[in-house]
N, C-alpha and C. Protein backbone atom coordinates (compact mmCIF):
# COMPACT_ATOMS: atom_id res chain seq x y z
N MET A 1 114.58 152.23 82.06
CA MET A 1 114.38 152.66 83.75
C MET A 1 112.77 152.49 83.51
N LYS A 2 112.30 151.06 84.38
CA LYS A 2 110.59 150.54 84.47
C LYS A 2 110.38 151.48 84.97
N ARG A 3 108.93 152.40 84.34
CA ARG A 3 108.51 153.23 85.13
C ARG A 3 107.19 152.89 85.60
N ILE A 4 107.23 153.39 87.21
CA ILE A 4 105.89 152.35 87.86
C ILE A 4 104.92 153.43 87.83
N GLN A 5 103.50 152.85 87.83
CA GLN A 5 102.41 153.29 87.64
C GLN A 5 101.93 153.66 88.93
N PHE A 6 101.44 155.06 88.95
CA PHE A 6 100.40 155.12 90.33
C PHE A 6 99.35 154.65 90.83
N GLY A 7 99.64 154.08 91.63
CA GLY A 7 98.39 153.26 92.78
C GLY A 7 97.51 153.96 93.07
N LEU A 8 97.16 153.63 93.96
CA LEU A 8 95.83 154.25 94.84
C LEU A 8 96.44 155.23 95.68
N GLY A 9 97.09 155.76 95.89
CA GLY A 9 97.61 156.68 96.66
C GLY A 9 99.39 156.53 97.01
N LYS A 10 99.31 158.08 97.86
CA LYS A 10 100.86 158.31 98.07
C LYS A 10 101.04 158.31 99.19
N HIS A 11 101.66 157.97 100.05
CA HIS A 11 101.34 158.31 101.50
C HIS A 11 103.31 158.77 101.79
N LEU A 12 103.12 160.16 102.46
CA LEU A 12 104.20 160.67 102.79
C LEU A 12 104.30 160.79 103.82
N ILE A 13 105.88 159.96 104.86
CA ILE A 13 106.02 159.35 106.35
C ILE A 13 106.63 160.43 106.81
N ILE A 14 107.03 161.57 107.47
CA ILE A 14 107.89 162.35 108.06
C ILE A 14 108.25 161.99 109.45
N ASP A 15 109.36 161.98 110.21
CA ASP A 15 109.78 162.16 111.15
C ASP A 15 110.46 163.34 111.61
N ALA A 16 110.10 164.17 112.04
CA ALA A 16 110.46 165.41 112.73
C ALA A 16 111.65 165.38 113.76
N TYR A 17 112.80 166.12 114.29
CA TYR A 17 113.22 165.97 115.21
C TYR A 17 113.81 167.22 115.64
N GLY A 18 114.12 168.01 116.53
CA GLY A 18 115.54 168.91 117.25
C GLY A 18 114.10 170.14 116.70
N ILE A 19 113.02 169.98 116.93
CA ILE A 19 111.77 171.01 116.96
C ILE A 19 111.98 172.04 117.95
N GLU A 20 112.31 173.15 118.32
CA GLU A 20 111.33 173.98 119.09
C GLU A 20 110.30 173.87 119.90
N GLU A 21 110.56 173.28 121.28
CA GLU A 21 109.43 172.89 122.06
C GLU A 21 108.20 173.70 122.13
N GLU A 22 108.50 175.03 121.76
CA GLU A 22 107.37 176.50 121.40
C GLU A 22 106.62 176.54 120.31
N LYS A 23 107.33 175.85 119.46
CA LYS A 23 107.02 175.58 117.82
C LYS A 23 106.39 174.54 117.75
N ILE A 24 106.19 173.54 118.68
CA ILE A 24 105.33 172.17 118.50
C ILE A 24 104.32 172.13 119.64
N LYS A 25 104.03 173.20 120.31
CA LYS A 25 102.89 173.50 121.19
C LYS A 25 101.87 174.57 121.22
N ASP A 26 102.25 175.24 120.30
CA ASP A 26 101.33 175.89 119.43
C ASP A 26 100.18 175.84 118.73
N LEU A 27 98.65 175.70 119.12
CA LEU A 27 97.60 175.05 118.64
C LEU A 27 97.83 176.11 117.40
N ARG A 28 97.71 177.15 117.53
CA ARG A 28 97.44 178.18 116.43
C ARG A 28 98.04 177.78 115.39
N ALA A 29 99.22 177.60 115.48
CA ALA A 29 100.55 177.91 114.47
C ALA A 29 100.34 176.32 113.85
N ILE A 30 99.99 175.22 114.18
CA ILE A 30 99.34 173.88 113.83
C ILE A 30 98.34 174.09 113.05
N ARG A 31 97.34 174.60 114.01
CA ARG A 31 96.03 174.82 112.47
C ARG A 31 96.26 175.72 111.59
N ASN A 32 97.04 176.91 111.48
CA ASN A 32 97.14 177.33 110.72
C ASN A 32 98.04 176.84 109.49
N LEU A 33 99.17 175.60 110.02
CA LEU A 33 100.41 175.04 108.86
C LEU A 33 99.07 173.80 108.17
N LEU A 34 98.20 173.48 108.92
CA LEU A 34 97.12 172.57 108.19
C LEU A 34 96.12 173.28 107.37
N ARG A 35 96.09 174.49 107.84
CA ARG A 35 94.74 174.78 106.85
C ARG A 35 95.73 175.67 105.23
N ASP A 36 97.02 175.70 105.79
CA ASP A 36 98.00 176.46 104.50
C ASP A 36 98.22 175.62 103.56
N LEU A 37 99.20 174.27 103.87
CA LEU A 37 99.85 173.25 103.55
C LEU A 37 98.81 172.55 102.12
N PRO A 38 97.17 172.50 102.21
CA PRO A 38 96.67 172.16 101.46
C PRO A 38 96.42 173.02 99.86
N LYS A 39 96.75 174.54 100.27
CA LYS A 39 96.16 175.43 98.96
C LYS A 39 98.25 175.04 98.69
N LYS A 40 99.06 175.34 99.58
CA LYS A 40 100.15 175.92 98.74
C LYS A 40 100.60 174.44 97.90
N PHE A 41 100.61 173.33 98.18
CA PHE A 41 100.41 171.99 97.49
C PHE A 41 99.46 172.03 96.40
N LYS A 42 98.57 172.40 96.11
CA LYS A 42 97.19 172.21 95.16
C LYS A 42 96.60 171.26 95.56
N MET A 43 96.30 170.63 96.95
CA MET A 43 94.92 170.26 97.78
C MET A 43 93.97 171.14 97.93
N ARG A 44 92.79 170.15 98.30
CA ARG A 44 91.73 170.61 98.09
C ARG A 44 90.84 170.03 99.86
N PRO A 45 91.05 171.27 100.53
CA PRO A 45 90.26 171.04 101.75
C PRO A 45 88.38 170.39 101.86
N LEU A 46 88.83 169.92 102.29
CA LEU A 46 87.28 169.06 102.38
C LEU A 46 86.75 169.72 103.64
N SER A 47 87.87 169.82 105.23
CA SER A 47 86.94 170.37 106.09
C SER A 47 87.61 171.51 106.98
N ASP A 48 87.38 172.05 107.95
CA ASP A 48 88.29 172.45 109.04
C ASP A 48 89.08 171.74 109.47
N ALA A 49 90.44 172.42 109.41
CA ALA A 49 91.59 171.29 110.43
C ALA A 49 91.20 171.38 112.05
N VAL A 50 91.19 170.03 112.54
CA VAL A 50 90.64 169.87 113.94
C VAL A 50 92.53 169.63 114.60
N VAL A 51 92.27 170.42 115.65
CA VAL A 51 93.78 170.64 116.46
C VAL A 51 93.22 170.14 117.80
N LYS A 52 93.99 169.51 118.65
CA LYS A 52 93.44 169.55 119.78
C LYS A 52 95.12 169.13 121.00
N LYS A 53 94.80 169.81 122.02
CA LYS A 53 95.41 168.94 123.05
C LYS A 53 95.71 167.43 123.49
N VAL A 54 96.56 167.16 123.73
CA VAL A 54 96.58 165.86 124.41
C VAL A 54 97.16 165.01 125.82
N ALA A 55 96.46 164.84 126.34
CA ALA A 55 97.13 164.21 127.27
C ALA A 55 96.60 163.34 128.19
N SER A 56 97.11 162.37 128.98
CA SER A 56 97.05 162.03 129.50
C SER A 56 97.27 161.36 131.19
N ASP A 57 96.91 159.91 131.80
CA ASP A 57 97.14 159.49 132.88
C ASP A 57 98.54 159.13 132.41
N TYR A 58 98.68 158.08 131.35
CA TYR A 58 99.99 157.92 130.66
C TYR A 58 100.90 158.67 130.45
N TYR A 59 100.36 159.86 128.84
CA TYR A 59 101.00 160.99 128.89
C TYR A 59 101.13 162.40 129.70
N PRO A 60 101.47 162.34 131.07
CA PRO A 60 100.86 163.98 131.67
C PRO A 60 101.58 165.01 130.92
N ASN A 61 102.09 165.09 130.10
CA ASN A 61 102.74 165.87 129.54
C ASN A 61 102.02 165.78 127.99
N TYR A 62 101.37 167.45 127.73
CA TYR A 62 100.71 167.67 126.27
C TYR A 62 101.43 167.30 125.37
N GLY A 63 100.75 166.89 124.15
CA GLY A 63 100.85 167.30 122.93
C GLY A 63 100.25 167.55 122.30
N ILE A 64 100.30 167.93 120.77
CA ILE A 64 99.35 168.51 119.96
C ILE A 64 99.30 167.22 118.82
N SER A 65 97.76 167.35 118.44
CA SER A 65 97.54 166.41 117.65
C SER A 65 96.69 167.14 116.49
N GLY A 66 96.69 167.28 115.06
CA GLY A 66 96.00 167.74 114.21
C GLY A 66 95.64 167.10 112.87
N PHE A 67 94.42 167.39 112.28
CA PHE A 67 94.06 166.56 110.83
C PHE A 67 93.13 167.33 109.98
N ILE A 68 93.57 167.41 108.70
CA ILE A 68 92.69 167.69 108.15
C ILE A 68 92.70 167.12 107.34
N MET A 69 90.89 166.75 106.62
CA MET A 69 90.70 165.23 105.78
C MET A 69 90.33 166.63 104.22
N LEU A 70 90.95 166.22 103.32
CA LEU A 70 91.23 166.60 102.33
C LEU A 70 90.63 165.84 101.24
N TYR A 71 89.98 166.32 99.77
CA TYR A 71 88.94 165.46 99.04
C TYR A 71 90.08 164.15 98.44
N GLU A 72 91.42 164.85 98.75
CA GLU A 72 92.72 163.82 97.78
C GLU A 72 92.69 162.62 99.11
N SER A 73 92.54 162.94 100.27
CA SER A 73 92.73 162.23 101.76
C SER A 73 92.87 162.88 102.70
N HIS A 74 94.10 163.52 103.53
CA HIS A 74 94.36 163.87 104.67
C HIS A 74 95.87 164.07 105.07
N ILE A 75 95.90 165.11 105.97
CA ILE A 75 97.37 165.19 106.34
C ILE A 75 97.25 165.40 108.17
N SER A 76 97.89 164.90 108.87
CA SER A 76 97.98 164.44 110.33
C SER A 76 99.07 164.68 110.97
N ILE A 77 99.24 165.48 112.01
CA ILE A 77 100.60 165.99 112.77
C ILE A 77 100.25 165.77 114.09
N HIS A 78 101.08 165.53 114.45
CA HIS A 78 101.27 164.50 115.67
C HIS A 78 102.58 164.85 116.87
N THR A 79 102.47 165.75 117.80
CA THR A 79 104.09 166.08 118.47
C THR A 79 104.02 165.56 119.86
N TRP A 80 105.05 165.30 120.41
CA TRP A 80 105.48 165.39 121.46
C TRP A 80 106.65 166.39 121.98
N PRO A 81 106.20 167.40 122.47
CA PRO A 81 106.68 168.80 122.60
C PRO A 81 108.28 168.74 123.58
N GLU A 82 108.43 168.05 124.66
CA GLU A 82 109.33 167.68 125.31
C GLU A 82 110.56 167.04 124.96
N GLN A 83 110.13 166.66 123.56
CA GLN A 83 111.46 165.68 122.82
C GLN A 83 111.48 166.15 121.60
N GLY A 84 110.67 167.53 121.66
CA GLY A 84 111.47 167.71 120.26
C GLY A 84 110.60 167.17 118.99
N TYR A 85 109.75 166.71 118.90
CA TYR A 85 109.38 165.64 117.77
C TYR A 85 108.24 165.65 117.28
N ALA A 86 108.04 165.94 115.46
CA ALA A 86 106.78 166.06 115.19
C ALA A 86 106.65 164.49 114.52
N ALA A 87 105.29 163.68 114.40
CA ALA A 87 105.40 163.21 113.07
C ALA A 87 104.03 163.48 112.28
N ILE A 88 104.67 163.56 111.05
CA ILE A 88 103.72 164.00 109.82
C ILE A 88 103.16 162.79 109.13
N ASP A 89 102.08 162.93 108.54
CA ASP A 89 101.27 162.46 107.52
C ASP A 89 101.10 163.00 106.35
N VAL A 90 101.41 162.35 104.98
CA VAL A 90 100.61 163.28 103.84
C VAL A 90 100.19 162.40 103.10
N TYR A 91 99.01 161.68 102.87
CA TYR A 91 98.43 161.07 102.47
C TYR A 91 97.27 161.41 100.99
N SER A 92 97.50 161.02 100.18
CA SER A 92 96.73 161.68 98.92
C SER A 92 96.34 160.51 98.05
N CYS A 93 95.40 160.22 97.24
CA CYS A 93 95.23 159.23 95.94
C CYS A 93 95.55 160.00 94.70
N LYS A 94 95.72 161.43 95.01
CA LYS A 94 96.20 162.43 93.56
C LYS A 94 97.36 162.26 93.98
N ASP A 95 98.50 161.88 92.81
CA ASP A 95 100.11 162.25 93.03
C ASP A 95 100.52 163.66 93.23
N PHE A 96 101.55 163.63 94.08
CA PHE A 96 102.22 165.02 94.17
C PHE A 96 103.67 164.50 94.46
N ASN A 97 104.02 165.64 94.46
CA ASN A 97 105.49 165.62 94.09
C ASN A 97 105.83 165.81 96.14
N GLU A 98 106.83 165.18 96.16
CA GLU A 98 106.52 164.90 98.15
C GLU A 98 108.26 166.18 98.43
N LYS A 99 109.23 165.94 97.35
CA LYS A 99 109.67 166.89 97.98
C LYS A 99 109.77 168.31 98.00
N PRO A 100 109.26 169.27 97.57
CA PRO A 100 108.89 170.92 97.79
C PRO A 100 107.88 170.80 99.47
N VAL A 101 106.85 169.19 100.09
CA VAL A 101 106.36 169.40 101.08
C VAL A 101 107.86 169.03 102.23
N ILE A 102 108.20 168.28 101.58
CA ILE A 102 109.38 167.52 102.77
C ILE A 102 110.39 169.15 102.74
N LYS A 103 110.86 169.86 101.96
CA LYS A 103 111.41 171.16 101.76
C LYS A 103 111.13 172.20 102.93
N TYR A 104 109.72 172.38 102.56
CA TYR A 104 108.89 173.96 103.00
C TYR A 104 108.57 173.34 104.74
N LEU A 105 108.34 171.51 104.92
CA LEU A 105 108.39 171.53 106.27
C LEU A 105 109.20 171.79 107.23
N LYS A 106 110.50 171.09 106.40
CA LYS A 106 111.57 171.18 107.17
C LYS A 106 112.27 172.33 107.61
N LYS A 107 111.88 174.04 106.47
CA LYS A 107 111.91 175.07 107.12
C LYS A 107 111.25 175.62 108.23
N TYR A 108 109.79 175.36 107.95
CA TYR A 108 108.72 175.56 108.67
C TYR A 108 109.28 175.13 110.38
N TRP A 109 109.56 174.24 110.38
CA TRP A 109 109.78 173.30 111.68
C TRP A 109 111.10 174.01 112.08
N GLY A 110 112.13 174.19 111.11
CA GLY A 110 113.44 174.54 111.95
C GLY A 110 113.76 173.24 112.20
N CYS A 111 114.03 172.15 111.79
CA CYS A 111 114.41 171.02 112.66
C CYS A 111 116.02 170.36 112.11
N LYS A 112 116.54 170.14 113.17
CA LYS A 112 117.49 169.61 112.79
C LYS A 112 117.54 168.18 112.34
N LYS A 113 116.92 167.30 112.70
CA LYS A 113 117.13 166.03 111.73
C LYS A 113 115.40 166.17 111.20
N MET A 114 115.63 165.27 110.16
CA MET A 114 114.00 165.05 109.63
C MET A 114 114.82 163.30 108.68
N LYS A 115 113.52 162.74 109.07
CA LYS A 115 113.59 161.36 108.74
C LYS A 115 112.45 161.02 107.44
N THR A 116 112.39 160.90 105.86
CA THR A 116 111.48 160.38 105.50
C THR A 116 111.19 159.45 104.80
N ARG A 117 109.93 158.89 104.12
CA ARG A 117 109.72 157.59 103.45
C ARG A 117 108.73 157.98 102.75
N VAL A 118 108.75 157.28 101.39
CA VAL A 118 107.30 157.68 100.71
C VAL A 118 106.79 155.76 100.49
N VAL A 119 105.44 155.50 100.93
CA VAL A 119 104.56 154.31 100.95
C VAL A 119 103.99 154.58 99.87
N MET A 120 104.13 153.93 98.28
CA MET A 120 102.85 153.83 97.51
C MET A 120 101.65 152.63 97.51
N ARG A 121 100.47 153.14 98.06
CA ARG A 121 99.42 152.29 98.57
C ARG A 121 98.26 152.00 97.18
N GLY A 122 98.22 150.76 97.76
CA GLY A 122 97.18 149.80 96.79
C GLY A 122 98.38 149.53 95.70
């Protein structure tokens, strides 16, 4: 089997469906998740997490968007509570095992369905 050399980064893209609305409307819970994920998976925060309610004329129901910068790159979360959906990105220039991250987030959100893909950057 041919071994693929690690490039400039690994981008884990997660679409999570069927999440209880209250779970993905909770600013504090999402901030805590963004704070805890890097520690749990041996990544290093470069800043505090930024988490905001997002609403507009186009999107009157609010969602939550959160982001944390890492020395290795970043983690972001965007939620659509009324649809029970969260989009999560974990990008790292340091290789990581995506399977435990996926397993942890699936359990954390209690989602009914999760689509994942990994893109090797560079």
